[in-house]
N, C-alpha and C. Protein backbone atom coordinates (compact mmCIF):
# COMPACT_ATOMS: atom_id res chain seq x y z
N UNK A 1 16.71 23.00 29.01
CA UNK A 1 16.41 22.59 30.08
C UNK A 1 15.44 21.86 30.08
N UNK A 2 14.09 22.70 29.69
CA UNK A 2 12.85 22.25 29.85
C UNK A 2 13.13 20.29 29.38
N UNK A 3 13.70 20.64 28.15
CA UNK A 3 13.35 19.15 27.47
C UNK A 3 13.96 17.92 28.81
N UNK A 4 15.43 18.43 29.04
CA UNK A 4 15.97 17.42 30.30
C UNK A 4 14.92 17.01 31.17
N UNK A 5 14.03 18.15 31.81
CA UNK A 5 13.24 17.94 32.83
C UNK A 5 12.10 16.93 32.56
N UNK A 6 11.89 17.59 31.04
CA UNK A 6 10.70 16.31 30.79
C UNK A 6 11.05 14.93 30.49
N UNK A 7 12.00 14.94 29.89
CA UNK A 7 12.94 13.65 29.82
C UNK A 7 12.57 12.89 31.35
N UNK A 8 13.17 13.35 32.48
CA UNK A 8 13.50 12.69 33.43
C UNK A 8 12.00 12.69 34.04
N UNK A 9 11.12 13.40 33.81
CA UNK A 9 9.67 12.83 34.51
C UNK A 9 9.32 12.02 34.14
N UNK A 10 9.37 12.04 32.51
CA UNK A 10 9.11 10.94 31.77
C UNK A 10 9.55 9.29 32.36
N UNK A 11 10.65 9.14 32.57
CA UNK A 11 11.24 8.28 32.76
C UNK A 11 10.73 7.54 34.18
N UNK A 12 10.63 8.66 35.15
CA UNK A 12 10.24 8.29 36.57
C UNK A 12 8.63 8.05 36.34
N UNK A 13 8.02 8.33 35.85
CA UNK A 13 6.52 7.95 35.11
C UNK A 13 6.41 6.59 34.75
N UNK A 14 6.88 6.57 33.83
CA UNK A 14 7.13 5.46 33.04
C UNK A 14 7.81 4.23 34.06
N UNK A 15 8.91 4.38 34.68
CA UNK A 15 8.78 3.46 36.08
C UNK A 15 7.85 2.86 36.83
N UNK A 16 7.43 4.01 37.43
CA UNK A 16 6.21 3.65 38.26
C UNK A 16 5.09 3.28 37.38
N UNK A 17 5.30 3.08 36.82
CA UNK A 17 3.66 3.00 35.70
C UNK A 17 3.67 1.41 35.76
N UNK A 18 4.69 1.00 35.70
CA UNK A 18 4.63 -0.47 35.12
C UNK A 18 4.16 -1.43 36.02
N UNK A 19 4.30 -0.65 37.60
CA UNK A 19 3.67 -1.70 38.58
C UNK A 19 2.00 -1.34 38.08
N UNK A 20 1.53 -0.21 38.11
CA UNK A 20 0.51 0.12 37.72
C UNK A 20 -0.29 -0.39 36.60
N UNK A 21 0.58 -0.81 35.80
CA UNK A 21 -0.49 -1.21 34.65
C UNK A 21 -1.87 -2.04 34.91
N UNK A 22 -1.78 -3.34 35.57
CA UNK A 22 -2.81 -3.72 35.46
C UNK A 22 -3.81 -2.59 35.99
N UNK A 23 -3.73 -1.97 36.78
CA UNK A 23 -4.70 -1.03 37.53
C UNK A 23 -5.36 -0.47 36.14
N UNK A 24 -4.12 0.31 35.27
CA UNK A 24 -4.47 1.26 34.16
C UNK A 24 -5.18 0.52 33.17
N UNK A 25 -5.01 -0.73 33.08
CA UNK A 25 -5.90 -1.64 32.11
C UNK A 25 -6.77 -2.16 32.47
N UNK A 26 -7.61 -2.46 33.97
CA UNK A 26 -8.33 -2.45 33.88
C UNK A 26 -9.54 -1.42 34.56
N UNK A 27 -9.14 -0.36 34.74
CA UNK A 27 -9.95 0.61 35.16
C UNK A 27 -9.99 1.75 33.87
N UNK A 28 -9.16 2.29 33.28
CA UNK A 28 -9.02 3.14 32.30
C UNK A 28 -9.21 2.68 30.41
N UNK A 29 -8.57 1.24 30.17
CA UNK A 29 -8.54 0.94 28.99
C UNK A 29 -9.71 0.24 28.99
N UNK A 30 -10.32 -0.69 30.39
CA UNK A 30 -11.61 -1.70 30.40
C UNK A 30 -11.32 -2.98 29.93
N UNK A 31 -9.94 -3.26 30.33
CA UNK A 31 -9.66 -4.45 29.77
C UNK A 31 -9.38 -5.74 31.09
N UNK A 32 -9.74 -6.82 30.84
CA UNK A 32 -9.83 -7.86 31.96
C UNK A 32 -8.50 -8.92 31.28
N UNK A 33 -7.30 -8.81 31.89
CA UNK A 33 -6.32 -9.24 31.20
C UNK A 33 -5.92 -10.94 32.01
N UNK A 34 -5.82 -11.49 31.25
CA UNK A 34 -5.20 -12.83 32.05
C UNK A 34 -3.72 -13.43 32.33
N UNK A 35 -3.14 -12.50 31.60
CA UNK A 35 -1.31 -12.80 31.14
C UNK A 35 -1.01 -11.84 30.73
N UNK A 36 -0.40 -11.34 31.35
CA UNK A 36 0.52 -10.34 30.45
C UNK A 36 2.23 -10.10 30.59
N UNK A 37 2.61 -10.38 29.24
CA UNK A 37 4.21 -10.64 28.92
C UNK A 37 4.78 -9.51 28.54
N UNK A 38 5.81 -8.57 29.02
CA UNK A 38 6.08 -7.76 28.33
C UNK A 38 6.96 -7.83 26.87
N UNK A 39 6.76 -6.80 26.49
CA UNK A 39 7.69 -7.13 24.84
C UNK A 39 8.22 -5.19 24.39
N UNK A 40 9.72 -5.59 24.56
CA UNK A 40 10.83 -4.51 24.25
C UNK A 40 9.92 -3.01 23.51
N UNK A 41 10.01 -2.15 24.27
CA UNK A 41 9.05 -0.97 23.86
C UNK A 41 10.05 -0.06 22.79
N UNK A 42 11.17 -0.52 22.45
CA UNK A 42 11.78 0.20 21.58
C UNK A 42 11.57 -0.41 20.42
N UNK A 43 11.20 0.60 19.11
CA UNK A 43 10.43 -0.14 17.80
C UNK A 43 11.57 0.65 16.65
N UNK A 44 12.67 0.30 16.90
CA UNK A 44 13.91 0.78 15.85
C UNK A 44 13.57 -0.06 14.47
N UNK A 45 13.30 0.80 13.94
CA UNK A 45 13.73 -0.11 12.15
C UNK A 45 13.74 0.94 11.51
N UNK A 46 14.95 0.99 11.06
CA UNK A 46 15.09 1.74 10.00
C UNK A 46 15.19 1.39 8.53
N UNK A 47 14.16 1.73 7.86
CA UNK A 47 14.14 1.44 6.17
C UNK A 47 13.96 2.48 5.40
N UNK A 48 13.88 1.93 4.23
CA UNK A 48 13.89 3.00 2.82
C UNK A 48 13.23 2.04 1.89
N UNK A 49 12.29 2.53 1.50
CA UNK A 49 11.17 2.13 0.51
C UNK A 49 11.36 2.91 -0.57
N UNK A 50 11.58 2.05 -1.75
CA UNK A 50 11.51 2.73 -3.67
C UNK A 50 10.29 2.47 -4.11
N UNK A 51 9.14 3.56 -3.96
CA UNK A 51 7.79 2.85 -5.02
C UNK A 51 8.58 2.93 -6.12
N UNK A 52 7.24 2.41 -7.07
CA UNK A 52 7.06 2.28 -8.87
C UNK A 52 6.84 3.46 -9.03
N UNK A 53 6.05 3.68 -8.33
CA UNK A 53 5.28 5.19 -9.33
C UNK A 53 4.27 5.89 -7.89
N UNK A 54 4.79 7.41 -7.89
CA UNK A 54 4.20 8.17 -7.00
C UNK A 54 4.35 9.52 -7.45
N UNK A 55 2.64 9.95 -7.73
CA UNK A 55 2.73 11.40 -8.20
C UNK A 55 1.63 12.18 -7.57
N UNK A 56 1.79 13.58 -7.74
CA UNK A 56 0.82 14.39 -7.50
C UNK A 56 -0.25 14.53 -8.41
N UNK A 57 -1.38 14.36 -8.05
CA UNK A 57 -2.65 14.02 -9.12
C UNK A 57 -3.47 15.46 -8.78
N UNK A 58 -4.05 15.87 -9.75
CA UNK A 58 -5.50 16.77 -9.52
C UNK A 58 -6.40 16.49 -10.56
N UNK A 59 -7.42 15.66 -9.90
CA UNK A 59 -8.39 15.03 -11.46
C UNK A 59 -9.20 15.97 -11.83
N UNK A 60 -10.10 15.50 -12.28
CA UNK A 60 -11.02 16.18 -13.49
C UNK A 60 -11.81 17.23 -12.70
N UNK A 61 -12.11 16.54 -11.40
CA UNK A 61 -13.10 17.44 -10.62
C UNK A 61 -12.20 18.41 -9.94
N UNK A 62 -10.93 18.66 -9.53
CA UNK A 62 -10.29 19.57 -8.82
C UNK A 62 -9.56 18.77 -7.32
N UNK A 63 -9.61 17.70 -7.59
CA UNK A 63 -9.40 17.17 -6.40
C UNK A 63 -7.98 16.81 -6.19
N UNK A 64 -7.39 17.09 -5.46
CA UNK A 64 -5.95 16.86 -5.29
C UNK A 64 -5.48 15.76 -4.14
N UNK A 65 -4.42 14.78 -4.73
CA UNK A 65 -3.97 14.00 -3.68
C UNK A 65 -2.82 13.10 -4.55
N UNK A 66 -2.22 12.00 -3.71
CA UNK A 66 -1.09 11.15 -4.13
C UNK A 66 -1.43 10.06 -4.57
N UNK A 67 -1.03 9.72 -5.90
CA UNK A 67 -1.45 8.70 -6.61
C UNK A 67 0.13 7.60 -6.52
N UNK A 68 -0.14 6.65 -5.59
CA UNK A 68 0.94 5.48 -5.55
C UNK A 68 0.54 4.42 -6.21
N UNK A 69 1.36 3.49 -7.22
CA UNK A 69 1.35 2.54 -8.05
C UNK A 69 2.74 1.61 -8.01
N UNK A 70 2.47 0.86 -7.43
CA UNK A 70 3.08 -0.72 -7.53
C UNK A 70 3.07 -1.40 -8.56
N UNK A 71 3.71 -2.44 -9.38
CA UNK A 71 3.56 -3.13 -10.62
C UNK A 71 4.19 -4.42 -9.97
N UNK A 72 3.22 -5.36 -10.24
CA UNK A 72 3.59 -6.74 -9.25
C UNK A 72 3.54 -7.99 -10.37
N UNK A 73 4.62 -8.88 -10.69
CA UNK A 73 4.59 -9.92 -11.37
C UNK A 73 4.00 -11.03 -10.54
N UNK A 74 4.34 -11.38 -9.60
CA UNK A 74 3.86 -12.34 -8.59
C UNK A 74 3.18 -12.12 -7.41
N UNK A 75 2.40 -13.22 -6.60
CA UNK A 75 1.96 -13.12 -5.61
C UNK A 75 2.66 -13.05 -4.63
N UNK A 76 2.55 -12.01 -3.71
CA UNK A 76 3.70 -11.41 -2.87
C UNK A 76 2.72 -11.84 -1.43
N UNK A 77 2.75 -12.52 -0.27
CA UNK A 77 1.81 -13.16 0.41
C UNK A 77 2.23 -11.52 1.75
N UNK A 78 3.26 -10.72 1.42
CA UNK A 78 3.42 -9.58 2.17
C UNK A 78 3.11 -8.25 1.52
N UNK A 79 2.08 -8.24 0.57
CA UNK A 79 2.20 -7.17 0.41
C UNK A 79 1.36 -6.23 0.98
N UNK A 80 -0.02 -7.17 1.20
CA UNK A 80 -0.51 -6.10 2.21
C UNK A 80 0.31 -5.26 3.07
N UNK A 81 0.97 -5.55 3.65
CA UNK A 81 1.79 -4.89 5.00
C UNK A 81 3.07 -3.92 4.37
N UNK A 82 3.35 -4.03 2.90
CA UNK A 82 4.20 -3.55 2.25
C UNK A 82 3.11 -2.21 2.00
N UNK A 83 2.36 -2.40 1.12
CA UNK A 83 1.62 -0.99 0.78
C UNK A 83 0.82 -0.53 2.25
N UNK A 84 0.78 -1.21 3.13
CA UNK A 84 0.30 -0.66 4.64
C UNK A 84 1.67 0.80 4.90
N UNK A 85 2.36 0.05 4.86
CA UNK A 85 3.78 0.85 5.20
C UNK A 85 4.35 2.13 3.99
N UNK A 86 4.21 1.70 2.88
CA UNK A 86 4.16 2.95 1.87
C UNK A 86 3.13 4.58 2.52
N UNK A 87 2.16 3.38 2.54
CA UNK A 87 0.62 4.55 2.75
C UNK A 87 1.55 5.27 4.21
N UNK A 88 1.75 4.57 5.13
CA UNK A 88 1.99 5.45 6.64
C UNK A 88 3.39 6.14 6.27
N UNK A 89 3.87 5.77 5.33
CA UNK A 89 5.39 6.41 5.21
C UNK A 89 4.87 8.24 4.23
N UNK A 90 3.75 7.99 3.56
CA UNK A 90 3.40 8.79 2.75
C UNK A 90 3.04 9.83 3.58
N UNK A 91 2.18 9.60 4.08
CA UNK A 91 0.83 10.08 5.35
C UNK A 91 1.87 10.79 6.04
N UNK A 92 3.18 10.36 6.42
CA UNK A 92 3.95 10.92 7.41
C UNK A 92 4.44 12.01 6.64
N UNK A 93 5.07 12.05 5.64
CA UNK A 93 5.70 13.10 4.58
C UNK A 93 4.71 14.12 4.20
N UNK A 94 3.59 13.88 3.84
CA UNK A 94 2.48 14.70 3.09
C UNK A 94 1.45 14.87 3.70
N UNK A 95 1.53 15.02 5.23
CA UNK A 95 -0.01 15.39 6.26
C UNK A 95 -1.02 16.30 5.67
N UNK A 96 -2.16 15.71 5.58
CA UNK A 96 -3.09 16.22 5.12
C UNK A 96 -3.46 15.65 3.88
N UNK A 97 -2.84 15.29 2.79
CA UNK A 97 -3.24 14.95 1.56
C UNK A 97 -3.62 13.19 1.56
N UNK A 98 -4.65 13.10 0.52
CA UNK A 98 -5.04 11.73 0.71
C UNK A 98 -4.33 10.93 0.03
N UNK A 99 -3.91 9.91 0.00
CA UNK A 99 -3.22 8.83 -0.74
C UNK A 99 -3.65 7.79 -0.86
N UNK A 100 -4.16 7.65 -2.55
CA UNK A 100 -4.98 6.78 -3.12
C UNK A 100 -3.61 5.12 -3.91
N UNK A 101 -3.99 4.51 -3.41
CA UNK A 101 -2.98 3.30 -3.99
C UNK A 101 -3.48 1.95 -4.56
N UNK A 102 -2.56 1.62 -5.83
CA UNK A 102 -3.01 0.56 -6.46
C UNK A 102 -1.78 -0.43 -6.63
N UNK A 103 -2.06 -1.67 -6.85
CA UNK A 103 -1.29 -2.56 -7.21
C UNK A 103 -1.72 -2.99 -8.44
N UNK A 104 -0.94 -2.60 -9.27
CA UNK A 104 -1.49 -3.38 -11.09
C UNK A 104 -0.25 -4.59 -11.04
N UNK A 105 -1.45 -5.34 -11.36
CA UNK A 105 -0.93 -7.04 -11.42
C UNK A 105 -1.02 -7.30 -12.57
N UNK A 106 0.65 -7.97 -13.11
CA UNK A 106 1.16 -8.12 -14.72
C UNK A 106 1.44 -9.47 -14.84
N UNK A 107 1.10 -10.10 -13.84
CA UNK A 107 1.10 -11.76 -13.87
C UNK A 107 0.23 -12.68 -14.79
N UNK A 108 0.63 -13.45 -14.83
CA UNK A 108 -0.49 -14.59 -16.10
C UNK A 108 -1.46 -15.31 -15.09
N UNK A 109 -1.30 -15.35 -13.85
CA UNK A 109 -2.51 -16.09 -12.96
C UNK A 109 -2.71 -15.05 -12.00
N UNK A 110 -4.01 -15.39 -12.15
CA UNK A 110 -4.99 -14.33 -11.05
C UNK A 110 -4.28 -14.23 -9.70
N UNK A 111 -4.34 -12.89 -9.10
CA UNK A 111 -3.62 -12.34 -8.19
C UNK A 111 -4.78 -12.86 -6.94
N UNK A 112 -3.73 -13.00 -6.04
CA UNK A 112 -4.61 -13.82 -4.96
C UNK A 112 -3.75 -13.23 -3.31
N UNK A 113 -3.46 -11.98 -3.89
CA UNK A 113 -2.86 -11.02 -2.87
C UNK A 113 -4.11 -10.78 -1.67
N UNK A 114 -3.58 -10.72 -0.64
CA UNK A 114 -4.92 -9.77 0.49
C UNK A 114 -4.92 -8.37 0.15
N UNK A 115 -6.10 -7.93 0.16
CA UNK A 115 -5.80 -6.22 -0.71
C UNK A 115 -6.61 -5.47 0.81
N UNK A 116 -6.95 -5.80 1.72
CA UNK A 116 -7.81 -5.42 3.03
C UNK A 116 -7.20 -6.02 4.27
N UNK A 117 -7.39 -5.12 5.07
CA UNK A 117 -7.26 -5.58 6.75
C UNK A 117 -8.40 -4.97 7.41
N UNK A 118 -9.00 -5.57 8.26
CA UNK A 118 -10.09 -5.38 8.77
C UNK A 118 -9.94 -5.63 10.18
N UNK A 119 -9.34 -5.07 11.19
CA UNK A 119 -8.87 -5.53 12.44
C UNK A 119 -9.71 -4.48 13.03
N UNK A 120 -10.43 -5.12 14.62
CA UNK A 120 -11.05 -3.88 15.70
C UNK A 120 -9.96 -2.73 15.48
N UNK A 121 -10.16 -1.53 15.27
CA UNK A 121 -9.60 -0.44 15.50
C UNK A 121 -8.56 -0.02 14.11
N UNK A 122 -8.90 -1.18 13.23
CA UNK A 122 -7.91 -0.97 11.90
C UNK A 122 -8.24 -1.23 10.93
N UNK A 123 -8.56 -0.32 9.76
CA UNK A 123 -8.92 -0.53 8.69
C UNK A 123 -8.49 -0.20 7.62
N UNK A 124 -7.95 -0.99 6.56
CA UNK A 124 -6.84 -0.53 5.36
C UNK A 124 -7.47 -1.09 4.38
N UNK A 125 -7.13 -0.42 3.48
CA UNK A 125 -7.06 -1.34 1.92
C UNK A 125 -6.38 -0.29 0.88
N UNK A 126 -6.41 -1.42 -0.19
CA UNK A 126 -5.41 -0.67 -0.88
C UNK A 126 -6.32 -1.53 -2.57
N UNK A 127 -5.86 -0.76 -3.53
CA UNK A 127 -6.80 -1.39 -4.86
C UNK A 127 -6.25 -2.20 -5.67
N UNK A 128 -6.70 -3.19 -6.30
CA UNK A 128 -5.82 -4.39 -6.91
C UNK A 128 -6.25 -4.08 -8.49
N UNK A 129 -5.49 -4.03 -9.73
CA UNK A 129 -5.66 -4.11 -11.06
C UNK A 129 -5.33 -5.33 -11.59
N UNK A 130 -5.50 -6.14 -11.74
CA UNK A 130 -5.02 -6.82 -12.74
C UNK A 130 -4.93 -6.48 -14.72
N UNK A 131 -4.14 -6.88 -15.11
CA UNK A 131 -4.15 -6.25 -16.37
C UNK A 131 -4.40 -7.00 -17.51
N UNK A 132 -4.65 -8.35 -16.96
CA UNK A 132 -5.65 -9.26 -17.72
C UNK A 132 -7.07 -9.27 -17.83
N UNK A 133 -7.22 -8.15 -17.04
CA UNK A 133 -8.99 -8.23 -17.21
C UNK A 133 -9.47 -6.85 -18.09
N UNK A 134 -8.10 -6.24 -18.14
CA UNK A 134 -8.44 -5.04 -19.42
C UNK A 134 -8.26 -5.63 -20.89
N UNK A 135 -9.06 -4.89 -21.52
CA UNK A 135 -9.09 -5.13 -23.20
C UNK A 135 -8.32 -4.54 -23.62
N UNK A 136 -7.59 -5.58 -24.73
CA UNK A 136 -6.53 -5.24 -25.25
C UNK A 136 -6.48 -4.26 -26.46
N UNK A 137 -7.81 -3.98 -26.58
CA UNK A 137 -8.07 -2.61 -27.51
C UNK A 137 -8.00 -1.37 -27.12
N UNK A 138 -7.81 -1.23 -25.93
CA UNK A 138 -7.76 0.16 -25.16
C UNK A 138 -6.04 0.50 -25.63
N UNK A 139 -5.24 -0.63 -25.54
CA UNK A 139 -4.17 -0.04 -25.76
C UNK A 139 -3.53 -0.33 -26.94
N UNK A 140 -4.02 -1.38 -27.33
CA UNK A 140 -3.63 -1.48 -29.28
C UNK A 140 -4.51 0.11 -30.10
N UNK A 141 -5.37 0.74 -29.96
CA UNK A 141 -5.78 1.73 -30.02
C UNK A 141 -4.70 2.72 -29.94
N UNK A 142 -4.01 2.97 -29.04
CA UNK A 142 -3.00 4.20 -28.73
C UNK A 142 -2.17 4.41 -30.03
N UNK A 143 -1.63 5.82 -30.23
CA UNK A 143 -0.67 6.16 -31.05
C UNK A 143 0.95 6.11 -30.40
N UNK A 144 0.79 5.77 -29.16
CA UNK A 144 2.05 5.94 -28.05
C UNK A 144 2.51 4.27 -28.05
N UNK A 145 4.04 3.94 -28.58
CA UNK A 145 4.21 2.99 -28.79
C UNK A 145 4.70 1.94 -27.56
N UNK A 146 4.45 2.95 -26.34
CA UNK A 146 4.71 2.53 -24.96
C UNK A 146 3.24 1.84 -24.30
N UNK A 147 2.32 2.50 -24.91
CA UNK A 147 1.13 1.84 -24.30
C UNK A 147 0.87 0.94 -25.42
N UNK A 148 0.88 0.96 -26.61
CA UNK A 148 0.81 -0.42 -27.60
C UNK A 148 1.24 -1.64 -26.59
N UNK A 149 2.70 -1.49 -26.55
CA UNK A 149 3.29 -2.74 -26.00
C UNK A 149 2.59 -3.49 -24.87
N UNK A 150 1.63 -2.88 -23.91
CA UNK A 150 1.23 -3.28 -22.89
C UNK A 150 -0.37 -4.24 -23.40
N UNK A 151 -0.39 -3.95 -24.48
CA UNK A 151 -1.46 -5.01 -25.00
C UNK A 151 -1.07 -6.23 -24.92
N UNK A 152 0.03 -6.96 -25.09
CA UNK A 152 0.43 -7.85 -24.43
C UNK A 152 0.37 -8.66 -23.10
N UNK A 153 -0.05 -7.82 -21.95
CA UNK A 153 -0.15 -8.21 -21.34
C UNK A 153 -1.87 -8.30 -20.75
N UNK A 154 -2.66 -7.95 -21.89
CA UNK A 154 -4.16 -7.61 -21.54
C UNK A 154 -4.77 -8.82 -21.80
N UNK A 155 -5.96 -8.31 -22.00
CA UNK A 155 -7.17 -9.79 -22.62
C UNK A 155 -7.35 -9.26 -23.92
N UNK A 156 -6.81 -10.59 -24.56
CA UNK A 156 -7.35 -10.81 -26.08
C UNK A 156 -8.71 -10.95 -26.39
N UNK A 157 -9.82 -11.55 -25.16
CA UNK A 157 -10.86 -11.77 -25.41
C UNK A 157 -10.88 -13.04 -26.62
N UNK A 158 -11.72 -13.07 -27.94
CA UNK A 158 -11.82 -14.28 -28.99
C UNK A 158 -10.40 -14.01 -29.89
N UNK A 159 -9.89 -12.59 -29.41
CA UNK A 159 -9.08 -12.57 -30.74
C UNK A 159 -7.82 -13.40 -30.57
N UNK A 160 -7.26 -14.05 -32.13
CA UNK A 160 -6.03 -15.06 -31.55
C UNK A 160 -5.16 -14.02 -31.70
N UNK A 161 -4.32 -14.64 -30.72
CA UNK A 161 -2.83 -14.02 -29.95
C UNK A 161 -1.78 -13.92 -31.23
N UNK A 162 -1.88 -15.02 -32.08
CA UNK A 162 -0.89 -14.19 -33.42
C UNK A 162 -1.42 -13.18 -34.01
N UNK A 163 -2.68 -12.95 -34.02
CA UNK A 163 -3.32 -11.37 -34.88
C UNK A 163 -2.67 -10.67 -33.97
N UNK A 164 -3.04 -10.24 -32.79
CA UNK A 164 -2.70 -9.19 -31.80
C UNK A 164 -1.04 -9.21 -31.79
N UNK A 165 -0.06 -9.65 -31.91
CA UNK A 165 1.21 -9.89 -32.24
C UNK A 165 1.68 -9.25 -33.61
N UNK A 166 0.84 -9.88 -34.56
CA UNK A 166 1.08 -9.34 -35.91
C UNK A 166 0.66 -7.62 -35.79
N UNK A 167 -0.65 -7.28 -35.04
CA UNK A 167 -1.09 -5.94 -35.18
C UNK A 167 -0.20 -5.02 -34.24
N UNK A 168 0.00 -5.39 -33.25
CA UNK A 168 1.43 -4.63 -32.27
C UNK A 168 2.58 -4.26 -33.32
N UNK A 169 2.83 -5.42 -33.69
CA UNK A 169 4.24 -5.03 -34.79
C UNK A 169 4.02 -4.27 -35.73
N UNK A 170 3.09 -4.47 -36.52
CA UNK A 170 2.53 -3.28 -37.28
C UNK A 170 2.52 -2.06 -37.03
N UNK A 171 1.68 -1.83 -36.38
CA UNK A 171 0.89 -0.46 -34.96
C UNK A 171 2.77 0.21 -35.00
N UNK A 172 3.70 -0.64 -34.17
CA UNK A 172 5.06 -0.15 -33.74
C UNK A 172 5.49 0.69 -34.97
N UNK A 173 5.57 -0.35 -36.37
CA UNK A 173 6.43 0.10 -37.61
C UNK A 173 5.96 1.27 -37.93
């Protein structure tokens, strides 16, 4: 019964508030508005996202957080908003837990995606790592085949690519 009353009160308040909005903006919010066009207030958007990798982490210092990784091959102009959506969804589901996000860029050319949003009242960023900037030795020196294969995507430095390919094949045998 209380919820029904609250909904009625909310509806009456919102209906009357529309005419009072200019005064609220001017006196409460402190905005001098030249023009105002109403926008639909119903923000329905059903979405399901499947992240590439999310894991609960406890680091060597004992800090606990969620780690979110996305693997990306091409520059995506919508990546900043996509990562922001993931962050909002993760924060909603895991209240109070820090969320650390990385995009691991696997593309051949330098990543060109925005990683930061810096607007008045909203600052957000995620981390970008380009695998081509990682020394291939970090992967070649592994004993795990899955890690060794990552050397193909990494930085060969001055080493001949054929030599790297031979070393990968030898280690995988």
